[in-house]
Every structure is written in structure tokens, then in C-alpha cells.
Amino acid sequence: MLIAVLWLTPDLQAQLIDPEGPLQRSDARLHVFEFDVTLWQMPEEGDAHPFTMNLIVDGPWGMVDPDTLRLTVHAGNELVVEQQRADFAEPDAQGSLTLTTPLPKQPRWPVLVRVHGEAITFSSTLNESIAGRLPWPVAWPAEVRSALEPEPLIESDDAGIKAAVEATIGPTPQAWGPPLAVAKRLIQAACSNFNVDGQHLMYGPKKTVRGINVRGATAALAAGGGSQADLTCLCIAVLRAAGIPARPVISIATKPGSRDDELVVRAVFFLPEAGWIPFDADQLRRRGVGSRKLTDVWRGLGDCPKLDDEVPLSWTFSPEQGAQAYEAWSCWSWTRLAPLSDFPLSVGTGRIRIGDRTVVTGQANLHSQLLVRRWSRGRPERLPRSPWRGGP
């Protein structure tokens, strides 16, 4: 089904987030999406910080129509917050928009925060014969340098991560080969000896989704395995350690073997004169990337024909590098629920401290629940331009 897209505006000079040259968009698809956070408990500090989410609205593989974007908060059955385009700031240079709102100080529980909008998503194609010849830059563009820095879960400055990179490609990545070949070799090495031994989502009582099950790159390297999200963190960390900008992409996708949707963790790395190249580390692992030649085209790296089925949400596991994440890594933050307890909170049979109280965790005391949904509305008649960029 073809759908006319009315939110087109003239394009400015192409920004760094746009694919170019050997990397191209294809197969645009229109989606309606919702991201729901349901809360049942006030943090120990009270509502010391606002609800925050960094939403990709003008990215390389997905764009949100600003006229459809809504952020609402319900306390009990009462609508207490409603934000729309006029209430939002402009996205940053990477196309990410910070959504933020205070939550009720004395709410009727539960509190439901919903982000709703329409998005256009794209598949990707990569001409590797051209991309493979792209050289290392003299300097990376300023807009992508943050994707070279270490951060929680992506500890690219760790001695073990650096040693793994050197063992794979030697001490000088630029001397080993062009950046695409280096990226593929490092991803291949990370995937080849990795044992996926856990679910990529973190669940609470009654199988409610709390967030993403992730321990990070150094933990994954030390254990030789972890969740799918851990594998992605490891791939990003070795790329950054080798001097290639890379970052996670948290998206909504259909759960395998089901009609339900869930959060998934993918990644991208940056090549000058191409853009942010998407890859699915776990798909590469399952397809036996360890036995593939670097000169082969790898389905799931650059060549991602089903990428348009996913709605990208965030470049980060939590705003502010998790400083105010509520109880788990999950794309949003508020205020840490239990600062005196380990993070993420262990829910099930243990106890946590919230202020001067010790709370037994279990079926009766949900803290938060995460629910994501998307509905495909077919394909637009033509590829749209960014609705967030004004005319010349």
C-alpha cells in the first residue's frame, strides 16, 4: 500500500547524519509507534529530576513527523501533561531530540508516560566495492567525535578491550587496512567467540519488561559471552578503541516468532563520505560471520533489507549515561529508585533499600513497566526529506 506523505520540506545542505555515496536509503516505510513507561513507585529522593528521553527524530534510518509527536502523562485516569511540537526544542546535530517533563509530586498511581508519533524508516544498501576504498580521515568530523569516547557499558578505554583490538589488527589500525576492512575484522572477531547466554531484555514480576539486560563490553569480554546487547556493546567498544566512531541504536522491532514488539539493540559505525553504517551483531554471529571473507558482502552489515521494519528510538541506553536511570537501562530516566542498592535493581527474591525502608521484591510490588508498539502504515509514494529542517 502506498501512502502520500505530506510532511515534506525543502532540504538544507546535507548533514553528516545523512547517508551518501556508497551508503543509501531504500524501501521507506511509515509507522505509528508508542513508547510507554508505567510507574508504581516514587524514588527515594522524590521527583528530584524530570522524566527524560533522547528520541531520534532526524536520523539516518528513521525520521519522526514533528506534527504527530506527543508526550503525555497520566496519573491514575487523569491527564496531567500533554506536550506537542511547540513544546519541543530542536534536535541536535545527530538528530536526537531531548523530551523532558516533570512528573506529578503526589500522583495517583500508576503514572503512565507515553511517547507517540509517526515515523518514516528506511532499509540500507552499501556498495562495498566503493566503501572498501574509502580512506581514513585526517580527522573525524566534530559531529561524530563523541562516538569515539568511552562511556558506561562501552568501556573502550579498558586495557582488556585495547589488548583485544591489538591482538586482532595490531597496534596501528590505519596500517592494517582501510576503515571498513578494520571495522569488519573487529566485528568478526568479537562475534566469533561470543556465547549468547541470556535474554536481551530484563524482566520483572509477572514477566513485565523493565529494560535492557546489559552488563557492558568489559564484562562481556571477561565472560566470553552475555546477552545480545552485551555483544553489541563489545563490538562498539572495540571499534571505538580502534579509532572508528560507533554507537548503539535502541529500536522497536517485532519479536521473533511473534506479532508482539520489543526493544532491540543494534549499532552503527561511521565512515566519511558514506555515513552511519548499520549492523546487527547478533545476526552476523548467528550467520557464522567468523568463516566469512572480509571481501564478502555481509547481510546485516550495511546491507540491511529489513531495517525499515524497525523504528529507531535512541542512540543511548539511558540519558546522561545512566546517572538518573530509574531501575534498569531502558532509554529513559527519571530519578534513581534506590540509590543505596546495586544498579540495575535485582528483582525476584531479594531485598532492596529505598530510603530507610527495606522492601522485599516480588510479585506484589512492580516498580516500572516498559511497553513498546508499532503499526506499519505501508510505504510512502516517495522518499521524504527531513521535516525538522527548514527551507533555504
Protein backbone atom coordinates (compact mmCIF):
# COMPACT_ATOMS: atom_id res chain seq x y z
CA MET A 1 0.00 0.00 0.00
CA LEU A 2 1.35 3.42 -0.96
CA ILE A 3 0.64 6.38 1.29
CA ALA A 4 1.14 10.04 0.43
CA VAL A 5 3.49 11.75 2.85
CA LEU A 6 2.57 15.39 3.38
CA TRP A 7 5.31 16.39 5.84
CA LEU A 8 7.96 17.17 3.22
CA THR A 9 10.04 20.34 3.41
CA PRO A 10 12.93 21.58 1.26
CA ASP A 11 16.27 20.13 2.26
CA LEU A 12 19.19 22.15 3.56
CA GLN A 13 22.75 21.20 2.79
CA ALA A 14 23.11 17.53 3.64
CA GLN A 15 24.11 16.96 7.24
CA LEU A 16 26.56 14.38 8.46
CA ILE A 17 23.80 12.10 9.65
CA ASP A 18 22.57 11.55 6.09
CA PRO A 19 23.77 8.51 4.12
CA GLU A 20 25.74 9.41 1.00
CA GLY A 21 27.91 7.91 -1.72
CA PRO A 22 28.11 4.11 -1.34
CA LEU A 23 25.59 4.07 1.53
CA GLN A 24 22.00 4.68 0.52
CA ARG A 25 18.46 4.58 1.90
CA SER A 26 15.82 2.40 0.26
CA ASP A 27 12.35 0.94 0.90
CA ALA A 28 10.83 3.69 3.05
CA ARG A 29 8.03 2.62 5.38
CA LEU A 30 5.56 4.61 7.50
CA HIS A 31 4.91 3.55 11.11
CA VAL A 32 2.89 4.71 14.08
CA PHE A 33 4.77 3.99 17.30
CA GLU A 34 4.24 4.22 21.06
CA PHE A 35 6.73 4.03 23.91
CA ASP A 36 5.01 3.57 27.29
CA VAL A 37 6.56 3.72 30.75
CA THR A 38 4.27 2.82 33.65
CA LEU A 39 5.49 3.74 37.15
CA TRP A 40 4.21 2.48 40.50
CA GLN A 41 6.68 3.88 42.99
CA MET A 42 8.25 7.23 43.92
CA PRO A 43 12.07 7.25 44.13
CA GLU A 44 13.75 7.68 47.49
CA GLU A 45 14.69 11.29 46.64
CA GLY A 46 11.21 12.09 45.41
CA ASP A 47 10.91 13.52 41.91
CA ALA A 48 14.30 15.21 42.07
CA HIS A 49 14.71 15.06 38.29
CA PRO A 50 12.28 15.19 35.36
CA PHE A 51 11.37 12.31 33.11
CA THR A 52 13.82 12.40 30.19
CA MET A 53 14.18 10.53 26.92
CA ASN A 54 16.52 11.19 23.99
CA LEU A 55 14.46 10.36 20.89
CA ILE A 56 15.91 10.01 17.39
CA VAL A 57 13.71 12.25 15.25
CA ASP A 58 16.02 13.05 12.32
CA GLY A 59 18.38 10.11 11.99
CA PRO A 60 19.95 8.31 9.04
CA TRP A 61 17.48 5.41 9.17
CA GLY A 62 14.38 6.97 10.72
CA MET A 63 12.59 10.32 10.92
CA VAL A 64 9.65 11.33 13.13
CA ASP A 65 6.93 13.66 11.89
CA PRO A 66 7.04 16.57 14.38
CA ASP A 67 3.36 17.34 13.90
CA THR A 68 2.40 13.88 15.19
CA LEU A 69 4.81 13.72 18.12
CA ARG A 70 3.13 13.75 21.55
CA LEU A 71 4.35 13.24 25.09
CA THR A 72 1.58 12.65 27.62
CA VAL A 73 1.49 11.82 31.32
CA HIS A 74 -1.50 10.23 33.07
CA ALA A 75 -1.70 9.95 36.86
CA GLY A 76 -4.35 7.37 37.54
CA ASN A 77 -7.03 8.23 34.99
CA GLU A 78 -6.18 11.95 34.87
CA LEU A 79 -4.23 13.55 32.02
CA VAL A 80 -1.71 15.84 33.75
CA VAL A 81 0.81 16.60 30.96
CA GLU A 82 0.43 16.94 27.21
CA GLN A 83 3.31 18.17 25.06
CA GLN A 84 3.46 18.59 21.31
CA ARG A 85 5.65 20.25 18.66
CA ALA A 86 5.55 23.78 20.12
CA ASP A 87 6.82 22.41 23.45
CA PHE A 88 9.89 20.68 22.00
CA ALA A 89 13.33 22.11 21.32
CA GLU A 90 15.24 21.43 18.11
CA PRO A 91 17.14 18.17 17.62
CA ASP A 92 20.92 18.14 17.98
CA ALA A 93 23.44 17.56 15.17
CA GLN A 94 22.84 13.81 15.38
CA GLY A 95 19.08 14.17 15.01
CA SER A 96 18.26 13.41 18.65
CA LEU A 97 15.55 15.36 20.48
CA THR A 98 15.52 15.57 24.28
CA LEU A 99 11.99 15.01 25.60
CA THR A 100 11.61 16.07 29.21
CA THR A 101 8.76 16.70 31.62
CA PRO A 102 8.32 16.89 35.40
CA LEU A 103 6.15 14.16 36.88
CA PRO A 104 3.41 14.73 39.49
CA LYS A 105 4.76 15.25 43.02
CA GLN A 106 1.91 13.39 44.70
CA PRO A 107 0.49 11.28 41.92
CA ARG A 108 -2.35 8.85 41.75
CA TRP A 109 -0.64 5.59 40.87
CA PRO A 110 0.15 4.29 38.40
CA VAL A 111 1.77 7.07 36.37
CA LEU A 112 1.82 6.41 32.62
CA VAL A 113 4.26 8.31 30.40
CA ARG A 114 3.60 7.83 26.69
CA VAL A 115 5.60 9.00 23.67
CA HIS A 116 3.54 8.70 20.47
CA GLY A 117 4.31 9.62 16.88
CA GLU A 118 4.58 8.70 13.23
CA ALA A 119 7.93 7.76 11.75
CA ILE A 120 9.38 7.02 8.34
CA THR A 121 12.04 4.30 8.42
CA PHE A 122 14.43 3.03 5.76
CA SER A 123 16.33 -0.04 4.69
CA SER A 124 20.01 0.36 3.81
CA THR A 125 22.26 -0.67 0.94
CA LEU A 126 26.06 -0.47 0.86
CA ASN A 127 28.28 -0.63 -2.21
CA GLU A 128 31.30 -2.29 -0.61
CA SER A 129 33.49 -2.03 -3.69
CA ILE A 130 33.38 1.75 -3.22
CA ALA A 131 33.11 1.88 0.58
CA GLY A 132 36.05 -0.50 0.95
CA ARG A 133 38.32 2.01 -0.77
CA LEU A 134 37.39 4.95 1.44
CA PRO A 135 40.50 6.09 3.36
CA TRP A 136 41.00 7.02 6.97
CA PRO A 137 40.24 10.71 7.52
CA VAL A 138 42.89 13.14 8.62
CA ALA A 139 40.49 13.99 11.44
CA TRP A 140 36.99 12.78 12.24
CA PRO A 141 34.22 15.37 11.87
CA ALA A 142 33.39 17.17 15.10
CA GLU A 143 29.81 15.91 14.97
CA VAL A 144 30.86 12.26 15.36
CA ARG A 145 33.74 12.52 17.83
CA SER A 146 31.53 11.82 20.84
CA ALA A 147 31.09 8.32 19.37
CA LEU A 148 34.80 7.72 19.96
CA GLU A 149 34.66 8.32 23.71
CA PRO A 150 34.31 5.66 26.43
CA GLU A 151 31.11 5.59 28.43
CA PRO A 152 29.28 3.26 30.81
CA LEU A 153 28.71 -0.15 29.14
CA ILE A 154 31.06 0.82 26.27
CA GLU A 155 34.40 0.94 28.05
CA SER A 156 36.63 1.48 25.01
CA ASP A 157 39.49 2.76 27.19
CA ASP A 158 39.69 -0.52 29.14
CA ALA A 159 43.08 -2.26 28.94
CA GLY A 160 41.47 -5.59 28.04
CA ILE A 161 39.48 -4.02 25.20
CA LYS A 162 42.60 -2.33 23.84
CA ALA A 163 44.54 -5.60 24.09
CA ALA A 164 41.82 -7.44 22.17
CA VAL A 165 41.98 -4.84 19.40
CA GLU A 166 45.77 -5.04 19.17
CA ALA A 167 45.66 -8.85 19.12
CA THR A 168 43.26 -8.68 16.16
CA ILE A 169 44.67 -5.92 13.94
CA GLY A 170 47.97 -4.92 15.51
CA PRO A 171 48.94 -1.68 17.25
CA THR A 172 48.14 0.66 14.34
CA PRO A 173 44.67 0.24 12.81
CA GLN A 174 45.44 2.67 9.96
CA ALA A 175 48.33 0.46 8.87
CA TRP A 176 46.20 -2.71 8.89
CA GLY A 177 43.80 -1.54 6.20
CA PRO A 178 41.00 0.87 5.23
CA PRO A 179 38.44 1.67 7.94
CA LEU A 180 35.70 -0.58 6.51
CA ALA A 181 38.02 -3.60 6.48
CA VAL A 182 39.19 -2.82 10.02
CA ALA A 183 35.60 -2.47 11.22
CA LYS A 184 34.56 -5.77 9.65
CA ARG A 185 37.57 -7.62 11.07
CA LEU A 186 36.95 -6.33 14.60
CA ILE A 187 33.23 -7.14 14.46
CA GLN A 188 34.07 -10.58 13.08
CA ALA A 189 36.48 -11.28 15.93
CA ALA A 190 34.02 -10.06 18.58
CA CYS A 191 31.20 -12.22 17.20
CA SER A 192 33.24 -15.36 16.53
CA ASN A 193 33.99 -16.32 20.13
CA PHE A 194 30.90 -14.90 21.82
CA ASN A 195 28.35 -17.09 23.56
CA VAL A 196 24.89 -15.53 23.82
CA ASP A 197 23.70 -16.89 27.15
CA GLY A 198 20.87 -14.63 28.23
CA GLN A 199 17.82 -12.70 27.11
CA HIS A 200 18.45 -9.17 25.90
CA LEU A 201 15.55 -7.77 27.96
CA MET A 202 15.27 -7.51 31.74
CA TYR A 203 12.01 -8.73 33.23
CA GLY A 204 10.24 -8.04 36.49
CA PRO A 205 7.33 -9.71 38.27
CA LYS A 206 4.63 -11.18 36.04
CA LYS A 207 7.01 -11.04 33.05
CA THR A 208 6.80 -7.28 32.82
CA VAL A 209 9.62 -5.70 30.81
CA ARG A 210 11.78 -3.38 32.93
CA GLY A 211 14.51 -2.57 30.43
CA ILE A 212 17.52 -3.98 28.61
CA ASN A 213 19.58 -6.81 30.04
CA VAL A 214 23.09 -5.47 29.56
CA ARG A 215 26.31 -5.60 31.61
CA GLY A 216 28.62 -3.96 29.10
CA ALA A 217 31.68 -4.58 26.97
CA THR A 218 34.28 -5.35 29.63
CA ALA A 219 32.01 -7.80 31.45
CA ALA A 220 31.21 -9.50 28.14
CA LEU A 221 34.87 -9.74 27.16
CA ALA A 222 35.83 -11.21 30.53
CA ALA A 223 32.99 -13.76 30.45
CA GLY A 224 33.28 -14.60 26.76
CA GLY A 225 29.55 -14.04 26.41
CA GLY A 226 26.43 -12.35 27.64
CA SER A 227 23.24 -11.05 26.12
CA GLN A 228 22.74 -9.84 22.56
CA ALA A 229 23.01 -6.31 23.94
CA ASP A 230 26.37 -7.17 25.52
CA LEU A 231 27.68 -8.40 22.17
CA THR A 232 26.66 -5.10 20.61
CA CYS A 233 28.44 -3.18 23.37
CA LEU A 234 31.58 -5.24 22.79
CA CYS A 235 31.54 -4.54 19.06
CA ILE A 236 31.10 -0.82 19.64
CA ALA A 237 33.86 -0.75 22.25
CA VAL A 238 36.45 -2.41 20.01
CA LEU A 239 35.54 -0.11 17.12
CA ARG A 240 35.97 2.96 19.30
CA ALA A 241 39.24 1.62 20.70
CA ALA A 242 40.48 1.28 17.12
CA GLY A 243 39.51 4.88 16.38
CA ILE A 244 36.26 4.29 14.47
CA PRO A 245 33.16 6.18 15.70
CA ALA A 246 30.38 3.78 16.68
CA ARG A 247 27.26 3.84 18.86
CA PRO A 248 24.23 1.74 19.81
CA VAL A 249 20.77 2.12 18.31
CA ILE A 250 17.84 1.12 20.53
CA SER A 251 14.85 0.35 18.30
CA ILE A 252 11.36 -1.13 18.26
CA ALA A 253 11.15 -4.37 16.30
CA THR A 254 8.89 -7.40 16.09
CA LYS A 255 9.78 -10.19 18.49
CA PRO A 256 10.96 -13.29 16.57
CA GLY A 257 8.17 -15.81 16.15
CA SER A 258 5.57 -13.37 17.46
CA ARG A 259 3.42 -10.44 16.45
CA ASP A 260 4.42 -8.54 19.56
CA ASP A 261 7.00 -5.76 19.51
CA GLU A 262 10.03 -5.33 21.76
CA LEU A 263 13.16 -3.25 22.21
CA VAL A 264 16.21 -4.44 20.28
CA VAL A 265 19.81 -3.24 20.34
CA ARG A 266 21.61 -2.66 17.03
CA ALA A 267 24.61 -0.48 16.21
CA VAL A 268 26.14 1.84 13.62
CA PHE A 269 29.68 2.92 12.80
CA PHE A 270 30.74 5.97 10.82
CA LEU A 271 32.67 6.19 7.56
CA PRO A 272 33.47 9.55 5.96
CA GLU A 273 31.84 10.02 2.55
CA ALA A 274 29.32 7.31 3.47
CA GLY A 275 27.68 7.95 6.86
CA TRP A 276 26.43 5.78 9.73
CA ILE A 277 26.62 2.16 8.57
CA PRO A 278 24.10 -0.06 10.41
CA PHE A 279 24.91 -3.56 11.61
CA ASP A 280 23.21 -6.28 13.64
CA ALA A 281 25.94 -8.04 15.63
CA ASP A 282 23.79 -10.96 16.74
CA GLN A 283 22.51 -11.60 13.23
CA LEU A 284 26.11 -11.66 12.00
CA ARG A 285 27.04 -14.08 14.79
CA ARG A 286 24.15 -16.41 14.01
CA ARG A 287 25.05 -16.42 10.32
CA GLY A 288 28.59 -17.57 11.04
CA VAL A 289 30.45 -14.37 10.24
CA GLY A 290 33.63 -15.92 11.63
CA SER A 291 34.03 -18.02 8.48
CA ARG A 292 33.21 -15.21 6.02
CA LYS A 293 35.78 -13.32 3.96
CA LEU A 294 36.17 -9.63 4.63
CA THR A 295 35.64 -9.02 0.92
CA ASP A 296 32.25 -10.75 1.03
CA VAL A 297 29.04 -8.74 1.33
CA TRP A 298 27.69 -9.45 4.80
CA ARG A 299 23.92 -9.38 5.10
CA GLY A 300 23.31 -7.46 8.31
CA LEU A 301 26.19 -5.00 7.87
CA GLY A 302 25.42 -2.09 5.57
CA ASP A 303 23.19 -4.35 3.51
CA CYS A 304 20.11 -4.41 5.77
CA PRO A 305 16.96 -5.02 3.68
CA LYS A 306 14.65 -5.35 6.71
CA LEU A 307 15.87 -2.30 8.58
CA ASP A 308 12.72 -0.44 7.55
CA ASP A 309 10.72 -2.80 9.79
CA GLU A 310 12.36 -1.24 12.87
CA VAL A 311 11.70 2.17 14.44
CA PRO A 312 14.93 3.65 15.87
CA LEU A 313 14.35 5.33 19.23
CA SER A 314 17.63 6.27 20.89
CA TRP A 315 21.39 6.43 20.46
CA THR A 316 21.90 5.63 24.13
CA PHE A 317 20.94 3.06 26.75
CA SER A 318 19.88 5.90 29.06
CA PRO A 319 20.10 9.71 29.07
CA GLU A 320 23.04 11.26 30.90
CA GLN A 321 24.91 7.94 30.69
CA GLY A 322 22.53 6.36 33.19
CA ALA A 323 23.10 8.82 36.03
CA GLN A 324 19.35 9.10 36.70
CA ALA A 325 18.17 5.78 35.28
CA TYR A 326 15.24 4.60 37.42
CA GLU A 327 15.86 0.90 37.99
CA ALA A 328 17.30 -0.53 34.74
CA TRP A 329 18.86 0.52 31.43
CA SER A 330 15.84 1.41 29.29
CA CYS A 331 16.20 4.56 27.07
CA TRP A 332 14.58 6.86 29.64
CA SER A 333 15.41 8.28 33.03
CA TRP A 334 13.73 9.95 35.98
CA THR A 335 15.41 9.62 39.37
CA ARG A 336 17.28 6.58 40.68
CA LEU A 337 14.70 4.48 42.56
CA ALA A 338 17.06 3.09 45.18
CA PRO A 339 20.47 4.83 45.19
CA LEU A 340 21.80 2.63 48.00
CA SER A 341 21.17 -0.57 46.04
CA ASP A 342 23.04 -2.07 43.13
CA PHE A 343 22.05 -0.90 39.66
CA PRO A 344 20.22 -2.35 37.79
CA LEU A 345 17.96 -3.47 40.61
CA SER A 346 17.70 -7.21 41.09
CA VAL A 347 14.03 -8.12 41.22
CA GLY A 348 12.69 -11.50 42.27
CA THR A 349 13.73 -12.93 45.60
CA GLY A 350 15.99 -10.26 47.07
CA ARG A 351 15.55 -7.10 49.11
CA ILE A 352 16.30 -3.51 48.23
CA ARG A 353 16.69 -0.40 50.33
CA ILE A 354 14.51 2.59 49.50
CA GLY A 355 15.32 5.33 51.97
CA ASP A 356 15.08 3.91 55.49
CA ARG A 357 12.87 1.04 54.31
CA THR A 358 13.85 -2.46 53.26
CA VAL A 359 11.49 -3.73 50.56
CA VAL A 360 11.11 -7.39 49.64
CA THR A 361 10.98 -7.63 45.87
CA GLY A 362 8.47 -9.96 44.30
CA GLN A 363 5.14 -10.29 42.54
CA ALA A 364 3.33 -7.73 44.66
CA ASN A 365 5.50 -4.66 44.09
CA LEU A 366 6.08 -3.69 40.50
CA HIS A 367 8.28 -0.63 40.13
CA SER A 368 8.07 0.10 36.41
CA GLN A 369 6.92 -1.50 33.19
CA LEU A 370 8.05 -0.78 29.65
CA LEU A 371 5.81 -1.43 26.65
CA VAL A 372 6.57 -0.59 23.01
CA ARG A 373 4.33 -0.91 19.96
CA ARG A 374 4.44 -0.01 16.28
CA TRP A 375 1.94 -0.31 13.44
CA SER A 376 3.02 -0.26 9.81
CA ARG A 377 1.04 2.09 7.58
CA GLY A 378 2.58 0.94 4.31
CA ARG A 379 5.06 2.66 2.01
CA PRO A 380 5.09 6.35 1.09
CA GLU A 381 4.87 7.32 -2.56
CA ARG A 382 8.36 8.86 -2.50
CA LEU A 383 11.27 9.17 -0.11
CA PRO A 384 10.65 12.13 2.20
CA ARG A 385 13.07 14.82 3.22
CA SER A 386 13.59 15.77 6.81
CA PRO A 387 10.59 17.57 8.34
CA TRP A 388 12.87 19.07 11.03
CA ARG A 389 14.97 21.13 8.62
CA GLY A 390 13.65 24.37 7.23
CA GLY A 391 13.96 25.61 3.69
CA PRO A 392 16.94 27.59 2.36
